[in-house]
Amino acid sequence: MELIKGREVNILGVEIGPAVAQLQETTEQELADLQALVVELEANYRRELEAAGARQPPSGASTAAAASEETREAAQAIETKLSSLRANLDREAQALHEAAIQQALPHQAALPQSPIQMATPAPGLPPARAEQAAQFERAGFEAILDRRLDDAIRAFENAREAWPEYHNVDEIADYLARMRANQAPLDAADWASIDRTMLTRYSWGMPADLRDTFRAQVTASR
């Protein structure tokens, strides 16, 4: 993958080097999140083993139960992250394949669009729309970090309108709308759950600086 950076790769007459480089960068960010989840799981197991070795938990039986629940949650987060990563990689690979075919066969009938989530603009998508989707997506993540639910929903809905298949904007808009309908007004625990969901399920293509902030907030809420 490193060989892709700084050069153009031609498939069926289509230059896809930048798209593959972007895919690599996004995947590396996802793997860093996954590594953090594994570290968390290891720490939980270590605490449980130490408590079992001492024949009693550090702060009583209730602490042992809480640690066990934390371990189950950490394991579930890893499973969710892996499932999300697999789905997004499959969609990106399909997107690159379809883009190559469509651009290599300009006189053929357009292929039916699939509900794929691309890291790079779809063939023929006006650059202004791609830029709008990215700007609205960022505004939505920032609104979540600022605990402004209505603004976050509005931003992701705008991103979806600009480009429905951009990253996870469609799913995030629906997820936040459900949170508002079922949980509002949100408390600190609800927001912590949203932060964690963003990182484990909906972080594909998330701006790196905002990803770091989400990671910090998830760590602080533990």
Protein backbone atom coordinates (compact mmCIF):
# COMPACT_ATOMS: atom_id res chain seq x y z
CA MET A 1 0.00 0.00 0.00
CA GLU A 2 2.85 2.40 0.72
CA LEU A 3 3.89 2.15 -2.93
CA ILE A 4 0.62 3.80 -3.90
CA LYS A 5 1.52 7.09 -2.27
CA GLY A 6 3.09 9.68 -4.54
CA ARG A 7 2.26 7.92 -7.79
CA GLU A 8 -0.66 7.19 -10.07
CA VAL A 9 -2.01 3.65 -10.43
CA ASN A 10 -3.84 2.95 -13.66
CA ILE A 11 -6.67 0.41 -13.82
CA LEU A 12 -8.65 0.16 -17.05
CA GLY A 13 -7.39 3.59 -17.97
CA VAL A 14 -8.45 5.19 -14.68
CA GLU A 15 -5.96 6.81 -12.33
CA ILE A 16 -6.84 5.55 -8.84
CA GLY A 17 -3.63 6.24 -6.90
CA PRO A 18 -5.08 9.10 -4.81
CA ALA A 19 -8.21 7.09 -4.02
CA VAL A 20 -6.18 4.11 -2.80
CA ALA A 21 -3.91 6.38 -0.75
CA GLN A 22 -6.98 7.91 0.90
CA LEU A 23 -8.33 4.43 1.57
CA GLN A 24 -5.06 3.45 3.22
CA GLU A 25 -5.06 6.53 5.44
CA THR A 26 -8.65 5.96 6.53
CA THR A 27 -7.99 2.28 7.23
CA GLU A 28 -4.93 3.11 9.33
CA GLN A 29 -7.03 5.46 11.46
CA GLU A 30 -9.63 2.74 11.95
CA LEU A 31 -6.94 0.25 12.95
CA ALA A 32 -5.60 2.73 15.52
CA ASP A 33 -9.08 2.89 17.07
CA LEU A 34 -9.22 -0.90 17.08
CA GLN A 35 -5.84 -1.09 18.80
CA ALA A 36 -7.09 1.25 21.53
CA LEU A 37 -10.10 -1.01 22.08
CA VAL A 38 -7.83 -4.05 22.39
CA VAL A 39 -5.70 -2.24 24.97
CA GLU A 40 -8.85 -1.43 26.92
CA LEU A 41 -9.96 -5.06 26.83
CA GLU A 42 -6.55 -6.25 28.00
CA ALA A 43 -6.62 -3.80 30.89
CA ASN A 44 -10.05 -5.03 31.97
CA TYR A 45 -8.94 -8.67 31.86
CA ARG A 46 -5.82 -7.80 33.85
CA ARG A 47 -7.85 -6.14 36.60
CA GLU A 48 -10.16 -9.15 36.82
CA LEU A 49 -7.26 -11.58 37.01
CA GLU A 50 -5.60 -9.54 39.74
CA ALA A 51 -8.86 -9.40 41.68
CA ALA A 52 -9.35 -13.15 41.32
CA GLY A 53 -5.80 -13.77 42.46
CA ALA A 54 -6.40 -11.76 45.60
CA ARG A 55 -9.63 -13.75 46.15
CA GLN A 56 -11.59 -10.51 46.43
CA PRO A 57 -11.96 -7.41 44.28
CA PRO A 58 -10.20 -4.20 45.37
CA SER A 59 -13.41 -2.50 46.46
CA GLY A 60 -15.81 -5.34 47.16
CA ALA A 61 -18.00 -7.67 45.14
CA SER A 62 -19.80 -4.88 43.28
CA THR A 63 -16.51 -3.77 41.74
CA ALA A 64 -15.90 -7.25 40.37
CA ALA A 65 -19.31 -7.24 38.70
CA ALA A 66 -18.68 -3.81 37.18
CA ALA A 67 -15.29 -4.89 35.81
CA SER A 68 -16.85 -7.96 34.24
CA GLU A 69 -19.48 -5.79 32.55
CA GLU A 70 -16.76 -3.42 31.30
CA THR A 71 -14.94 -6.38 29.79
CA ARG A 72 -18.04 -7.56 27.98
CA GLU A 73 -18.64 -4.05 26.65
CA ALA A 74 -15.03 -3.77 25.47
CA ALA A 75 -15.25 -7.11 23.67
CA GLN A 76 -18.52 -6.07 22.03
CA ALA A 77 -16.95 -2.78 20.92
CA ILE A 78 -14.15 -4.68 19.19
CA GLU A 79 -16.65 -6.93 17.42
CA THR A 80 -18.67 -3.90 16.30
CA LYS A 81 -15.55 -2.10 15.08
CA LEU A 82 -14.39 -5.10 13.07
CA SER A 83 -17.81 -5.51 11.49
CA SER A 84 -17.94 -1.82 10.56
CA LEU A 85 -14.40 -1.88 9.16
CA ARG A 86 -15.14 -4.95 7.06
CA ALA A 87 -18.34 -3.45 5.64
CA ASN A 88 -16.69 -0.13 4.77
CA LEU A 89 -13.68 -1.78 3.12
CA ASP A 90 -15.99 -3.96 1.03
CA ARG A 91 -17.95 -0.89 -0.07
CA GLU A 92 -14.81 1.08 -0.90
CA ALA A 93 -13.45 -1.79 -2.99
CA GLN A 94 -16.75 -2.01 -4.84
CA ALA A 95 -16.75 1.77 -5.37
CA LEU A 96 -13.25 1.73 -6.90
CA HIS A 97 -14.22 -1.16 -9.16
CA GLU A 98 -17.40 0.53 -10.38
CA ALA A 99 -15.62 3.87 -10.85
CA ALA A 100 -12.99 2.21 -13.02
CA ILE A 101 -15.59 0.49 -15.17
CA GLN A 102 -17.75 3.59 -15.59
CA GLN A 103 -14.83 5.81 -16.57
CA ALA A 104 -13.25 3.20 -18.84
CA LEU A 105 -16.52 2.67 -20.72
CA PRO A 106 -17.88 6.21 -21.15
CA HIS A 107 -20.17 5.25 -24.01
CA GLN A 108 -21.83 2.42 -22.18
CA ALA A 109 -25.04 2.82 -20.23
CA ALA A 110 -24.38 4.02 -16.72
CA LEU A 111 -24.16 1.24 -14.17
CA PRO A 112 -26.86 1.26 -11.50
CA GLN A 113 -25.66 3.06 -8.41
CA SER A 114 -25.07 0.98 -5.32
CA PRO A 115 -25.48 2.24 -1.75
CA ILE A 116 -21.74 2.42 -1.27
CA GLN A 117 -19.82 4.73 1.03
CA MET A 118 -16.88 6.18 -0.84
CA ALA A 119 -13.93 8.04 0.61
CA THR A 120 -13.41 9.85 -2.68
CA PRO A 121 -15.99 11.61 -4.89
CA ALA A 122 -18.13 9.38 -7.07
CA PRO A 123 -17.60 9.67 -10.83
CA GLY A 124 -19.41 12.73 -12.14
CA LEU A 125 -20.17 14.12 -8.71
CA PRO A 126 -19.71 17.92 -8.82
CA PRO A 127 -16.75 18.92 -6.62
CA ALA A 128 -18.95 21.48 -4.86
CA ARG A 129 -21.29 18.74 -3.64
CA ALA A 130 -18.40 16.63 -2.37
CA GLU A 131 -16.98 19.64 -0.55
CA GLN A 132 -20.38 20.47 0.94
CA ALA A 133 -20.82 16.92 2.22
CA ALA A 134 -17.41 17.03 3.90
CA GLN A 135 -18.10 20.42 5.48
CA PHE A 136 -21.49 19.36 6.82
CA GLU A 137 -20.05 16.09 8.11
CA ARG A 138 -17.37 17.97 10.03
CA ALA A 139 -19.95 20.42 11.40
CA GLY A 140 -22.02 17.46 12.58
CA PHE A 141 -19.14 15.85 14.44
CA GLU A 142 -18.25 19.19 16.02
CA ALA A 143 -21.86 19.63 17.16
CA ILE A 144 -21.74 16.22 18.84
CA LEU A 145 -18.56 17.17 20.67
CA ASP A 146 -20.25 20.42 21.75
CA ARG A 147 -23.35 18.47 22.87
CA ARG A 148 -25.66 20.26 20.38
CA LEU A 149 -27.93 17.44 19.27
CA ASP A 150 -30.28 19.39 17.00
CA ASP A 151 -27.37 21.07 15.20
CA ALA A 152 -25.67 17.71 14.75
CA ILE A 153 -28.77 16.12 13.24
CA ARG A 154 -29.27 19.09 10.92
CA ALA A 155 -25.65 18.99 9.76
CA PHE A 156 -25.69 15.26 8.98
CA GLU A 157 -29.03 15.60 7.20
CA ASN A 158 -27.50 18.37 5.08
CA ALA A 159 -24.49 16.16 4.36
CA ARG A 160 -26.80 13.35 3.33
CA GLU A 161 -28.68 15.67 1.00
CA ALA A 162 -25.43 16.79 -0.62
CA TRP A 163 -24.09 13.25 -1.02
CA PRO A 164 -26.11 10.36 0.50
CA GLU A 165 -23.28 7.83 0.17
CA TYR A 166 -20.58 9.99 1.78
CA HIS A 167 -18.92 8.03 4.59
CA ASN A 168 -21.51 7.28 7.29
CA VAL A 169 -23.54 10.50 7.14
CA ASP A 170 -26.77 8.70 6.26
CA GLU A 171 -26.50 6.26 9.16
CA ILE A 172 -25.41 8.95 11.63
CA ALA A 173 -28.35 11.20 10.75
CA ASP A 174 -30.77 8.34 11.41
CA TYR A 175 -28.96 7.25 14.59
CA LEU A 176 -29.02 10.72 16.12
CA ALA A 177 -32.68 11.18 15.18
CA ARG A 178 -33.49 7.96 17.05
CA MET A 179 -31.52 9.16 20.05
CA ARG A 180 -33.50 12.40 20.08
CA ALA A 181 -36.81 10.56 19.80
CA ASN A 182 -36.04 7.93 22.43
CA GLN A 183 -33.66 9.56 24.89
CA ALA A 184 -33.98 13.36 24.78
CA PRO A 185 -33.04 15.26 26.79
CA LEU A 186 -29.67 13.54 26.78
CA ASP A 187 -27.62 13.19 29.94
CA ALA A 188 -23.87 12.68 30.33
CA ALA A 189 -24.18 8.91 29.98
CA ASP A 190 -26.15 9.28 26.75
CA TRP A 191 -23.52 11.57 25.25
CA ALA A 192 -20.76 9.19 26.32
CA SER A 193 -22.62 6.39 24.53
CA ILE A 194 -22.91 8.55 21.39
CA ASP A 195 -19.18 9.32 21.48
CA ARG A 196 -18.35 5.64 21.74
CA THR A 197 -20.79 4.74 18.96
CA MET A 198 -19.19 7.31 16.67
CA LEU A 199 -15.78 5.68 17.18
CA THR A 200 -16.84 2.05 17.03
CA ARG A 201 -19.52 2.17 14.33
CA TYR A 202 -19.54 5.46 12.39
CA SER A 203 -15.97 6.75 12.28
CA TRP A 204 -15.15 5.87 8.66
CA GLY A 205 -13.58 9.00 7.14
CA MET A 206 -13.88 11.03 10.34
CA PRO A 207 -11.41 13.98 10.29
CA ALA A 208 -8.26 12.98 12.17
CA ASP A 209 -8.29 15.93 14.57
CA LEU A 210 -11.90 15.28 15.56
CA ARG A 211 -11.18 11.57 15.93
CA ASP A 212 -8.51 12.44 18.50
CA THR A 213 -11.04 14.54 20.43
CA PHE A 214 -13.60 11.73 20.39
CA ARG A 215 -10.95 9.30 21.64
CA ALA A 216 -10.07 11.66 24.50
CA GLN A 217 -13.70 12.08 25.51
CA VAL A 218 -14.36 8.34 25.44
CA THR A 219 -11.29 7.75 27.61
CA ALA A 220 -12.35 10.45 30.06
CA SER A 221 -15.85 8.98 30.41
CA ARG A 222 -14.66 5.53 31.49
